[in-house]
Amino acid sequence: MRIISQDKMKHIEYVFLKITAPEEWLGDNAIHAKSWSIVTLTTNISLGTYSTKEKASKVLDMIWQPRYWASSNALIKDGDFVPGFERYVFYMPKDEEVYNEDN
């Protein structure tokens, strides 16, 4: 699976992700999180920021739910991927696109 960052400038394949809290320092890169962020564990690259921890948690859940995946067939060139999970893309939603179950 590929994950595309909110700003569409970062494109990653399967990684380990974590949620960082506001005011948390993100390792040696000294990136200071100003809001709840979803970042890669190994490089501390932020893929998206959210106004609440609940929204960030919901996005992590969404990543693993096939109904939120887009097919990447248009992006695939011959020989790039083995058929299966890798053929899907998850686009990190913007903060305003993530709703509570109540909404």
PDB file of N, CA and C in Angstrom:
ATOM      1  N   MET A   1       0.835  -1.176   0.000  1.00  0.00           N
ATOM      2  CA  MET A   1       0.000   0.000   0.000  1.00  0.00           C
ATOM      3  C   MET A   1       0.880   1.239   0.000  1.00  0.00           C
ATOM      4  N   ARG A   2       0.448   2.223  -0.689  1.00  0.00           N
ATOM      5  CA  ARG A   2       1.117   3.518  -0.684  1.00  0.00           C
ATOM      6  C   ARG A   2       0.277   4.477   0.141  1.00  0.00           C
ATOM      7  N   ILE A   3       0.941   5.415   0.794  1.00  0.00           N
ATOM      8  CA  ILE A   3       0.246   6.460   1.541  1.00  0.00           C
ATOM      9  C   ILE A   3       0.753   7.787   1.007  1.00  0.00           C
ATOM     10  N   ILE A   4      -0.195   8.667   0.663  1.00  0.00           N
ATOM     11  CA  ILE A   4       0.123   9.992   0.148  1.00  0.00           C
ATOM     12  C   ILE A   4      -0.179  11.011   1.244  1.00  0.00           C
ATOM     13  N   SER A   5       0.758  11.902   1.533  1.00  0.00           N
ATOM     14  CA  SER A   5       0.585  12.888   2.600  1.00  0.00           C
ATOM     15  C   SER A   5      -0.508  13.888   2.268  1.00  0.00           C
ATOM     16  N   GLN A   6      -0.939  14.633   3.294  1.00  0.00           N
ATOM     17  CA  GLN A   6      -1.985  15.647   3.104  1.00  0.00           C
ATOM     18  C   GLN A   6      -1.603  16.649   2.036  1.00  0.00           C
ATOM     19  N   ASP A   7      -0.352  17.057   2.018  1.00  0.00           N
ATOM     20  CA  ASP A   7       0.071  18.075   1.054  1.00  0.00           C
ATOM     21  C   ASP A   7       0.431  17.492  -0.314  1.00  0.00           C
ATOM     22  N   LYS A   8       0.263  16.169  -0.458  1.00  0.00           N
ATOM     23  CA  LYS A   8       0.524  15.446  -1.712  1.00  0.00           C
ATOM     24  C   LYS A   8       1.993  15.513  -2.140  1.00  0.00           C
ATOM     25  N   MET A   9       2.877  15.951  -1.242  1.00  0.00           N
ATOM     26  CA  MET A   9       4.297  16.081  -1.565  1.00  0.00           C
ATOM     27  C   MET A   9       5.112  14.882  -1.084  1.00  0.00           C
ATOM     28  N   LYS A  10       4.536  14.053  -0.191  1.00  0.00           N
ATOM     29  CA  LYS A  10       5.238  12.876   0.310  1.00  0.00           C
ATOM     30  C   LYS A  10       4.489  11.632  -0.111  1.00  0.00           C
ATOM     31  N   HIS A  11       5.217  10.670  -0.607  1.00  0.00           N
ATOM     32  CA  HIS A  11       4.655   9.437  -1.143  1.00  0.00           C
ATOM     33  C   HIS A  11       5.474   8.314  -0.528  1.00  0.00           C
ATOM     34  N   ILE A  12       4.848   7.508   0.309  1.00  0.00           N
ATOM     35  CA  ILE A  12       5.588   6.443   0.966  1.00  0.00           C
ATOM     36  C   ILE A  12       4.895   5.111   0.747  1.00  0.00           C
ATOM     37  N   GLU A  13       5.646   4.047   0.895  1.00  0.00           N
ATOM     38  CA  GLU A  13       5.071   2.719   0.889  1.00  0.00           C
ATOM     39  C   GLU A  13       5.079   2.229   2.318  1.00  0.00           C
ATOM     40  N   TYR A  14       4.529   1.063   2.561  1.00  0.00           N
ATOM     41  CA  TYR A  14       4.295   0.553   3.902  1.00  0.00           C
ATOM     42  C   TYR A  14       5.364   0.988   4.907  1.00  0.00           C
ATOM     43  N   VAL A  15       4.914   1.615   5.981  1.00  0.00           N
ATOM     44  CA  VAL A  15       5.795   2.056   7.069  1.00  0.00           C
ATOM     45  C   VAL A  15       5.083   1.868   8.394  1.00  0.00           C
ATOM     46  N   PHE A  16       5.813   1.999   9.475  1.00  0.00           N
ATOM     47  CA  PHE A  16       5.226   2.018  10.800  1.00  0.00           C
ATOM     48  C   PHE A  16       4.898   3.464  11.132  1.00  0.00           C
ATOM     49  N   LEU A  17       3.698   3.702  11.662  1.00  0.00           N
ATOM     50  CA  LEU A  17       3.232   5.048  11.932  1.00  0.00           C
ATOM     51  C   LEU A  17       2.947   5.234  13.415  1.00  0.00           C
ATOM     52  N   LYS A  18       3.012   6.485  13.861  1.00  0.00           N
ATOM     53  CA  LYS A  18       2.643   6.805  15.238  1.00  0.00           C
ATOM     54  C   LYS A  18       1.960   8.169  15.253  1.00  0.00           C
ATOM     55  N   ILE A  19       1.254   8.431  16.351  1.00  0.00           N
ATOM     56  CA  ILE A  19       0.628   9.736  16.570  1.00  0.00           C
ATOM     57  C   ILE A  19       1.510  10.511  17.537  1.00  0.00           C
ATOM     58  N   THR A  20       1.802  11.763  17.201  1.00  0.00           N
ATOM     59  CA  THR A  20       2.558  12.613  18.108  1.00  0.00           C
ATOM     60  C   THR A  20       1.638  13.694  18.656  1.00  0.00           C
ATOM     61  N   ALA A  21       1.876  14.058  19.888  1.00  0.00           N
ATOM     62  CA  ALA A  21       1.058  15.061  20.573  1.00  0.00           C
ATOM     63  C   ALA A  21       1.564  16.469  20.274  1.00  0.00           C
ATOM     64  N   PRO A  22       0.689  17.468  20.451  1.00  0.00           N
ATOM     65  CA  PRO A  22       1.175  18.850  20.335  1.00  0.00           C
ATOM     66  C   PRO A  22       2.314  19.070  21.329  1.00  0.00           C
ATOM     67  N   GLU A  23       3.250  19.875  20.948  1.00  0.00           N
ATOM     68  CA  GLU A  23       4.405  20.223  21.773  1.00  0.00           C
ATOM     69  C   GLU A  23       5.401  19.073  21.930  1.00  0.00           C
ATOM     70  N   GLU A  24       5.266  18.006  21.163  1.00  0.00           N
ATOM     71  CA  GLU A  24       6.199  16.878  21.253  1.00  0.00           C
ATOM     72  C   GLU A  24       7.342  17.070  20.273  1.00  0.00           C
ATOM     73  N   TRP A  25       8.559  16.833  20.754  1.00  0.00           N
ATOM     74  CA  TRP A  25       9.720  16.881  19.874  1.00  0.00           C
ATOM     75  C   TRP A  25       9.842  15.554  19.174  1.00  0.00           C
ATOM     76  N   LEU A  26      10.114  15.576  17.896  1.00  0.00           N
ATOM     77  CA  LEU A  26      10.152  14.353  17.102  1.00  0.00           C
ATOM     78  C   LEU A  26      11.583  13.916  16.825  1.00  0.00           C
ATOM     79  N   GLY A  27      12.269  13.462  17.851  1.00  0.00           N
ATOM     80  CA  GLY A  27      13.579  12.858  17.682  1.00  0.00           C
ATOM     81  C   GLY A  27      14.658  13.813  17.228  1.00  0.00           C
ATOM     82  N   ASP A  28      15.665  13.242  16.571  1.00  0.00           N
ATOM     83  CA  ASP A  28      16.849  13.992  16.155  1.00  0.00           C
ATOM     84  C   ASP A  28      16.544  15.057  15.112  1.00  0.00           C
ATOM     85  N   ASN A  29      15.436  14.906  14.402  1.00  0.00           N
ATOM     86  CA  ASN A  29      15.092  15.898  13.383  1.00  0.00           C
ATOM     87  C   ASN A  29      14.620  17.210  13.990  1.00  0.00           C
ATOM     88  N   ALA A  30      14.354  17.220  15.286  1.00  0.00           N
ATOM     89  CA  ALA A  30      13.939  18.425  16.013  1.00  0.00           C
ATOM     90  C   ALA A  30      12.750  19.107  15.360  1.00  0.00           C
ATOM     91  N   ILE A  31      11.830  18.307  14.875  1.00  0.00           N
ATOM     92  CA  ILE A  31      10.599  18.868  14.320  1.00  0.00           C
ATOM     93  C   ILE A  31       9.637  19.050  15.478  1.00  0.00           C
ATOM     94  N   HIS A  32       9.087  20.216  15.637  1.00  0.00           N
ATOM     95  CA  HIS A  32       8.192  20.494  16.754  1.00  0.00           C
ATOM     96  C   HIS A  32       6.757  20.424  16.273  1.00  0.00           C
ATOM     97  N   ALA A  33       6.003  19.453  16.806  1.00  0.00           N
ATOM     98  CA  ALA A  33       4.610  19.281  16.394  1.00  0.00           C
ATOM     99  C   ALA A  33       3.742  20.346  17.053  1.00  0.00           C
ATOM    100  N   LYS A  34       2.961  21.053  16.267  1.00  0.00           N
ATOM    101  CA  LYS A  34       2.066  22.070  16.791  1.00  0.00           C
ATOM    102  C   LYS A  34       0.641  21.545  16.945  1.00  0.00           C
ATOM    103  N   SER A  35       0.368  20.403  16.369  1.00  0.00           N
ATOM    104  CA  SER A  35      -0.935  19.762  16.505  1.00  0.00           C
ATOM    105  C   SER A  35      -0.719  18.264  16.439  1.00  0.00           C
ATOM    106  N   TRP A  36      -1.771  17.500  16.608  1.00  0.00           N
ATOM    107  CA  TRP A  36      -1.660  16.042  16.546  1.00  0.00           C
ATOM    108  C   TRP A  36      -1.229  15.648  15.140  1.00  0.00           C
ATOM    109  N   SER A  37      -0.171  14.885  15.039  1.00  0.00           N
ATOM    110  CA  SER A  37       0.357  14.502  13.732  1.00  0.00           C
ATOM    111  C   SER A  37       0.497  12.994  13.631  1.00  0.00           C
ATOM    112  N   ILE A  38       0.399  12.495  12.414  1.00  0.00           N
ATOM    113  CA  ILE A  38       0.724  11.108  12.133  1.00  0.00           C
ATOM    114  C   ILE A  38       2.072  11.137  11.426  1.00  0.00           C
ATOM    115  N   VAL A  39       3.052  10.454  12.026  1.00  0.00           N
ATOM    116  CA  VAL A  39       4.415  10.491  11.497  1.00  0.00           C
ATOM    117  C   VAL A  39       4.946   9.074  11.336  1.00  0.00           C
ATOM    118  N   THR A  40       5.965   8.943  10.492  1.00  0.00           N
ATOM    119  CA  THR A  40       6.625   7.648  10.338  1.00  0.00           C
ATOM    120  C   THR A  40       7.549   7.427  11.536  1.00  0.00           C
ATOM    121  N   LEU A  41       7.637   6.204  11.998  1.00  0.00           N
ATOM    122  CA  LEU A  41       8.473   5.892  13.163  1.00  0.00           C
ATOM    123  C   LEU A  41       9.958   6.035  12.873  1.00  0.00           C
ATOM    124  N   THR A  42      10.381   5.674  11.692  1.00  0.00           N
ATOM    125  CA  THR A  42      11.814   5.636  11.412  1.00  0.00           C
ATOM    126  C   THR A  42      12.404   6.991  11.039  1.00  0.00           C
ATOM    127  N   THR A  43      11.646   7.837  10.373  1.00  0.00           N
ATOM    128  CA  THR A  43      12.201   9.106   9.891  1.00  0.00           C
ATOM    129  C   THR A  43      11.514  10.334  10.442  1.00  0.00           C
ATOM    130  N   ASN A  44      10.446  10.150  11.221  1.00  0.00           N
ATOM    131  CA  ASN A  44       9.682  11.268  11.775  1.00  0.00           C
ATOM    132  C   ASN A  44       9.156  12.221  10.705  1.00  0.00           C
ATOM    133  N   ILE A  45       8.786  11.687   9.572  1.00  0.00           N
ATOM    134  CA  ILE A  45       8.170  12.494   8.519  1.00  0.00           C
ATOM    135  C   ILE A  45       6.685  12.609   8.822  1.00  0.00           C
ATOM    136  N   SER A  46       6.188  13.819   8.881  1.00  0.00           N
ATOM    137  CA  SER A  46       4.765  14.028   9.133  1.00  0.00           C
ATOM    138  C   SER A  46       3.975  13.812   7.846  1.00  0.00           C
ATOM    139  N   LEU A  47       2.937  12.999   7.947  1.00  0.00           N
ATOM    140  CA  LEU A  47       2.078  12.730   6.790  1.00  0.00           C
ATOM    141  C   LEU A  47       0.782  13.517   6.853  1.00  0.00           C
ATOM    142  N   GLY A  48       0.415  13.961   8.045  1.00  0.00           N
ATOM    143  CA  GLY A  48      -0.815  14.727   8.207  1.00  0.00           C
ATOM    144  C   GLY A  48      -0.936  15.238   9.623  1.00  0.00           C
ATOM    145  N   THR A  49      -1.627  16.364   9.803  1.00  0.00           N
ATOM    146  CA  THR A  49      -1.844  16.926  11.132  1.00  0.00           C
ATOM    147  C   THR A  49      -3.336  17.097  11.364  1.00  0.00           C
ATOM    148  N   TYR A  50      -3.734  16.926  12.623  1.00  0.00           N
ATOM    149  CA  TYR A  50      -5.156  16.936  12.989  1.00  0.00           C
ATOM    150  C   TYR A  50      -5.366  17.720  14.266  1.00  0.00           C
ATOM    151  N   SER A  51      -6.534  18.307  14.399  1.00  0.00           N
ATOM    152  CA  SER A  51      -6.830  19.185  15.521  1.00  0.00           C
ATOM    153  C   SER A  51      -7.036  18.439  16.826  1.00  0.00           C
ATOM    154  N   THR A  52      -7.378  17.150  16.779  1.00  0.00           N
ATOM    155  CA  THR A  52      -7.585  16.373  18.000  1.00  0.00           C
ATOM    156  C   THR A  52      -6.926  15.005  17.873  1.00  0.00           C
ATOM    157  N   LYS A  53      -6.641  14.417  19.015  1.00  0.00           N
ATOM    158  CA  LYS A  53      -6.075  13.065  19.038  1.00  0.00           C
ATOM    159  C   LYS A  53      -7.082  12.071  18.457  1.00  0.00           C
ATOM    160  N   GLU A  54      -8.368  12.302  18.700  1.00  0.00           N
ATOM    161  CA  GLU A  54      -9.407  11.406  18.184  1.00  0.00           C
ATOM    162  C   GLU A  54      -9.407  11.376  16.655  1.00  0.00           C
ATOM    163  N   LYS A  55      -9.237  12.535  16.040  1.00  0.00           N
ATOM    164  CA  LYS A  55      -9.177  12.574  14.574  1.00  0.00           C
ATOM    165  C   LYS A  55      -7.951  11.836  14.056  1.00  0.00           C
ATOM    166  N   ALA A  56      -6.805  12.043  14.690  1.00  0.00           N
ATOM    167  CA  ALA A  56      -5.584  11.346  14.271  1.00  0.00           C
ATOM    168  C   ALA A  56      -5.766   9.832  14.427  1.00  0.00           C
ATOM    169  N   SER A  57      -6.376   9.399  15.522  1.00  0.00           N
ATOM    170  CA  SER A  57      -6.626   7.972  15.743  1.00  0.00           C
ATOM    171  C   SER A  57      -7.569   7.408  14.690  1.00  0.00           C
ATOM    172  N   LYS A  58      -8.578   8.187  14.341  1.00  0.00           N
ATOM    173  CA  LYS A  58      -9.521   7.726  13.323  1.00  0.00           C
ATOM    174  C   LYS A  58      -8.815   7.541  11.975  1.00  0.00           C
ATOM    175  N   VAL A  59      -7.919   8.458  11.632  1.00  0.00           N
ATOM    176  CA  VAL A  59      -7.186   8.336  10.366  1.00  0.00           C
ATOM    177  C   VAL A  59      -6.321   7.080  10.376  1.00  0.00           C
ATOM    178  N   LEU A  60      -5.660   6.784  11.501  1.00  0.00           N
ATOM    179  CA  LEU A  60      -4.878   5.550  11.576  1.00  0.00           C
ATOM    180  C   LEU A  60      -5.767   4.337  11.327  1.00  0.00           C
ATOM    181  N   ASP A  61      -6.974   4.357  11.887  1.00  0.00           N
ATOM    182  CA  ASP A  61      -7.919   3.263  11.643  1.00  0.00           C
ATOM    183  C   ASP A  61      -8.335   3.208  10.178  1.00  0.00           C
ATOM    184  N   MET A  62      -8.561   4.367   9.578  1.00  0.00           N
ATOM    185  CA  MET A  62      -8.996   4.434   8.179  1.00  0.00           C
ATOM    186  C   MET A  62      -7.966   3.833   7.229  1.00  0.00           C
ATOM    187  N   ILE A  63      -6.684   3.992   7.565  1.00  0.00           N
ATOM    188  CA  ILE A  63      -5.618   3.484   6.694  1.00  0.00           C
ATOM    189  C   ILE A  63      -5.793   1.999   6.432  1.00  0.00           C
ATOM    190  N   TRP A  64      -6.303   1.262   7.405  1.00  0.00           N
ATOM    191  CA  TRP A  64      -6.417  -0.197   7.281  1.00  0.00           C
ATOM    192  C   TRP A  64      -7.794  -0.659   6.861  1.00  0.00           C
ATOM    193  N   GLN A  65      -8.682   0.251   6.501  1.00  0.00           N
ATOM    194  CA  GLN A  65     -10.019  -0.130   6.057  1.00  0.00           C
ATOM    195  C   GLN A  65     -10.117   0.036   4.540  1.00  0.00           C
ATOM    196  N   PRO A  66     -10.278  -1.068   3.821  1.00  0.00           N
ATOM    197  CA  PRO A  66     -10.283  -1.018   2.344  1.00  0.00           C
ATOM    198  C   PRO A  66     -11.269  -0.025   1.739  1.00  0.00           C
ATOM    199  N   ARG A  67     -12.346   0.287   2.423  1.00  0.00           N
ATOM    200  CA  ARG A  67     -13.317   1.217   1.829  1.00  0.00           C
ATOM    201  C   ARG A  67     -12.741   2.615   1.626  1.00  0.00           C
ATOM    202  N   TYR A  68     -11.626   2.932   2.294  1.00  0.00           N
ATOM    203  CA  TYR A  68     -11.000   4.249   2.151  1.00  0.00           C
ATOM    204  C   TYR A  68      -9.842   4.242   1.157  1.00  0.00           C
ATOM    205  N   TRP A  69      -9.537   3.106   0.576  1.00  0.00           N
ATOM    206  CA  TRP A  69      -8.416   3.003  -0.347  1.00  0.00           C
ATOM    207  C   TRP A  69      -8.846   3.384  -1.758  1.00  0.00           C
ATOM    208  N   ALA A  70      -7.924   3.929  -2.493  1.00  0.00           N
ATOM    209  CA  ALA A  70      -8.138   4.194  -3.922  1.00  0.00           C
ATOM    210  C   ALA A  70      -7.273   3.211  -4.697  1.00  0.00           C
ATOM    211  N   SER A  71      -7.738   2.800  -5.847  1.00  0.00           N
ATOM    212  CA  SER A  71      -6.933   1.927  -6.688  1.00  0.00           C
ATOM    213  C   SER A  71      -5.814   2.741  -7.314  1.00  0.00           C
ATOM    214  N   SER A  72      -4.636   2.179  -7.342  1.00  0.00           N
ATOM    215  CA  SER A  72      -3.503   2.891  -7.935  1.00  0.00           C
ATOM    216  C   SER A  72      -3.194   2.390  -9.334  1.00  0.00           C
ATOM    217  N   ASN A  73      -4.127   1.704  -9.948  1.00  0.00           N
ATOM    218  CA  ASN A  73      -3.869   1.146 -11.280  1.00  0.00           C
ATOM    219  C   ASN A  73      -3.344   2.184 -12.251  1.00  0.00           C
ATOM    220  N   ALA A  74      -3.850   3.404 -12.165  1.00  0.00           N
ATOM    221  CA  ALA A  74      -3.417   4.453 -13.088  1.00  0.00           C
ATOM    222  C   ALA A  74      -1.954   4.837 -12.830  1.00  0.00           C
ATOM    223  N   LEU A  75      -1.473   4.568 -11.609  1.00  0.00           N
ATOM    224  CA  LEU A  75      -0.111   4.945 -11.256  1.00  0.00           C
ATOM    225  C   LEU A  75       0.900   3.840 -11.517  1.00  0.00           C
ATOM    226  N   ILE A  76       0.418   2.640 -11.800  1.00  0.00           N
ATOM    227  CA  ILE A  76       1.293   1.473 -11.911  1.00  0.00           C
ATOM    228  C   ILE A  76       1.881   1.355 -13.317  1.00  0.00           C
ATOM    229  N   LYS A  77       3.177   1.145 -13.359  1.00  0.00           N
ATOM    230  CA  LYS A  77       3.847   0.853 -14.617  1.00  0.00           C
ATOM    231  C   LYS A  77       4.198  -0.630 -14.601  1.00  0.00           C
ATOM    232  N   ASP A  78       4.339  -1.230 -15.743  1.00  0.00           N
ATOM    233  CA  ASP A  78       4.657  -2.657 -15.806  1.00  0.00           C
ATOM    234  C   ASP A  78       5.850  -2.998 -14.936  1.00  0.00           C
ATOM    235  N   GLY A  79       5.673  -4.051 -14.118  1.00  0.00           N
ATOM    236  CA  GLY A  79       6.755  -4.541 -13.284  1.00  0.00           C
ATOM    237  C   GLY A  79       6.971  -3.800 -11.989  1.00  0.00           C
ATOM    238  N   ASP A  80       6.210  -2.736 -11.724  1.00  0.00           N
ATOM    239  CA  ASP A  80       6.403  -1.974 -10.489  1.00  0.00           C
ATOM    240  C   ASP A  80       5.959  -2.734  -9.244  1.00  0.00           C
ATOM    241  N   PHE A  81       4.858  -3.475  -9.342  1.00  0.00           N
ATOM    242  CA  PHE A  81       4.258  -4.070  -8.155  1.00  0.00           C
ATOM    243  C   PHE A  81       3.878  -5.513  -8.365  1.00  0.00           C
ATOM    244  N   VAL A  82       3.838  -6.231  -7.275  1.00  0.00           N
ATOM    245  CA  VAL A  82       3.238  -7.560  -7.257  1.00  0.00           C
ATOM    246  C   VAL A  82       1.755  -7.332  -7.025  1.00  0.00           C
ATOM    247  N   PRO A  83       0.879  -8.000  -7.776  1.00  0.00           N
ATOM    248  CA  PRO A  83      -0.562  -7.784  -7.573  1.00  0.00           C
ATOM    249  C   PRO A  83      -0.959  -8.013  -6.113  1.00  0.00           C
ATOM    250  N   GLY A  84      -1.889  -7.227  -5.654  1.00  0.00           N
ATOM    251  CA  GLY A  84      -2.381  -7.380  -4.291  1.00  0.00           C
ATOM    252  C   GLY A  84      -2.432  -6.065  -3.546  1.00  0.00           C
ATOM    253  N   PHE A  85      -2.067  -6.122  -2.285  1.00  0.00           N
ATOM    254  CA  PHE A  85      -2.167  -4.989  -1.366  1.00  0.00           C
ATOM    255  C   PHE A  85      -1.447  -3.757  -1.889  1.00  0.00           C
ATOM    256  N   GLU A  86      -0.347  -3.956  -2.572  1.00  0.00           N
ATOM    257  CA  GLU A  86       0.456  -2.835  -3.046  1.00  0.00           C
ATOM    258  C   GLU A  86      -0.252  -1.995  -4.100  1.00  0.00           C
ATOM    259  N   ARG A  87      -1.332  -2.497  -4.646  1.00  0.00           N
ATOM    260  CA  ARG A  87      -2.037  -1.775  -5.709  1.00  0.00           C
ATOM    261  C   ARG A  87      -2.985  -0.706  -5.179  1.00  0.00           C
ATOM    262  N   TYR A  88      -2.957  -0.451  -3.896  1.00  0.00           N
ATOM    263  CA  TYR A  88      -3.881   0.518  -3.327  1.00  0.00           C
ATOM    264  C   TYR A  88      -3.138   1.708  -2.741  1.00  0.00           C
ATOM    265  N   VAL A  89      -3.840   2.834  -2.740  1.00  0.00           N
ATOM    266  CA  VAL A  89      -3.285   4.085  -2.241  1.00  0.00           C
ATOM    267  C   VAL A  89      -4.229   4.636  -1.184  1.00  0.00           C
ATOM    268  N   PHE A  90      -3.677   5.162  -0.109  1.00  0.00           N
ATOM    269  CA  PHE A  90      -4.463   5.869   0.892  1.00  0.00           C
ATOM    270  C   PHE A  90      -3.994   7.313   0.886  1.00  0.00           C
ATOM    271  N   TYR A  91      -4.913   8.233   0.641  1.00  0.00           N
ATOM    272  CA  TYR A  91      -4.610   9.654   0.656  1.00  0.00           C
ATOM    273  C   TYR A  91      -4.965  10.197   2.038  1.00  0.00           C
ATOM    274  N   MET A  92      -3.992  10.748   2.719  1.00  0.00           N
ATOM    275  CA  MET A  92      -4.237  11.296   4.057  1.00  0.00           C
ATOM    276  C   MET A  92      -5.264  12.423   3.956  1.00  0.00           C
ATOM    277  N   PRO A  93      -6.380  12.290   4.681  1.00  0.00           N
ATOM    278  CA  PRO A  93      -7.405  13.338   4.607  1.00  0.00           C
ATOM    279  C   PRO A  93      -6.974  14.597   5.358  1.00  0.00           C
ATOM    280  N   LYS A  94      -7.536  15.709   4.960  1.00  0.00           N
ATOM    281  CA  LYS A  94      -7.327  16.966   5.671  1.00  0.00           C
ATOM    282  C   LYS A  94      -8.128  16.913   6.973  1.00  0.00           C
ATOM    283  N   ASP A  95      -7.759  17.761   7.903  1.00  0.00           N
ATOM    284  CA  ASP A  95      -8.425  17.781   9.206  1.00  0.00           C
ATOM    285  C   ASP A  95      -9.935  17.919   9.068  1.00  0.00           C
ATOM    286  N   GLU A  96     -10.377  18.821   8.208  1.00  0.00           N
ATOM    287  CA  GLU A  96     -11.817  19.074   8.073  1.00  0.00           C
ATOM    288  C   GLU A  96     -12.570  17.936   7.376  1.00  0.00           C
ATOM    289  N   GLU A  97     -11.843  16.993   6.801  1.00  0.00           N
ATOM    290  CA  GLU A  97     -12.470  15.843   6.140  1.00  0.00           C
ATOM    291  C   GLU A  97     -12.674  14.654   7.081  1.00  0.00           C
ATOM    292  N   VAL A  98     -12.165  14.761   8.309  1.00  0.00           N
ATOM    293  CA  VAL A  98     -12.294  13.676   9.284  1.00  0.00           C
ATOM    294  C   VAL A  98     -13.384  14.050  10.268  1.00  0.00           C
ATOM    295  N   TYR A  99     -14.398  13.193  10.344  1.00  0.00           N
ATOM    296  CA  TYR A  99     -15.546  13.471  11.210  1.00  0.00           C
ATOM    297  C   TYR A  99     -15.645  12.425  12.301  1.00  0.00           C
ATOM    298  N   ASN A 100     -16.234  12.811  13.424  1.00  0.00           N
ATOM    299  CA  ASN A 100     -16.552  11.844  14.467  1.00  0.00           C
ATOM    300  C   ASN A 100     -17.665  10.957  13.987  1.00  0.00           C
ATOM    301  N   GLU A 101     -17.806   9.792  14.607  1.00  0.00           N
ATOM    302  CA  GLU A 101     -18.884   8.876  14.246  1.00  0.00           C
ATOM    303  C   GLU A 101     -20.250   9.535  14.453  1.00  0.00           C
ATOM    304  N   ASP A 102     -20.319  10.544  15.328  1.00  0.00           N
ATOM    305  CA  ASP A 102     -21.585  11.236  15.614  1.00  0.00           C
ATOM    306  C   ASP A 102     -22.020  12.120  14.456  1.00  0.00           C
ATOM    307  N   ASN A 103     -21.078  12.564  13.618  1.00  0.00           N
ATOM    308  CA  ASN A 103     -21.405  13.515  12.534  1.00  0.00           C
ATOM    309  C   ASN A 103     -21.893  12.802  11.306  1.00  0.00           C
TER     310      ASN A 103
END
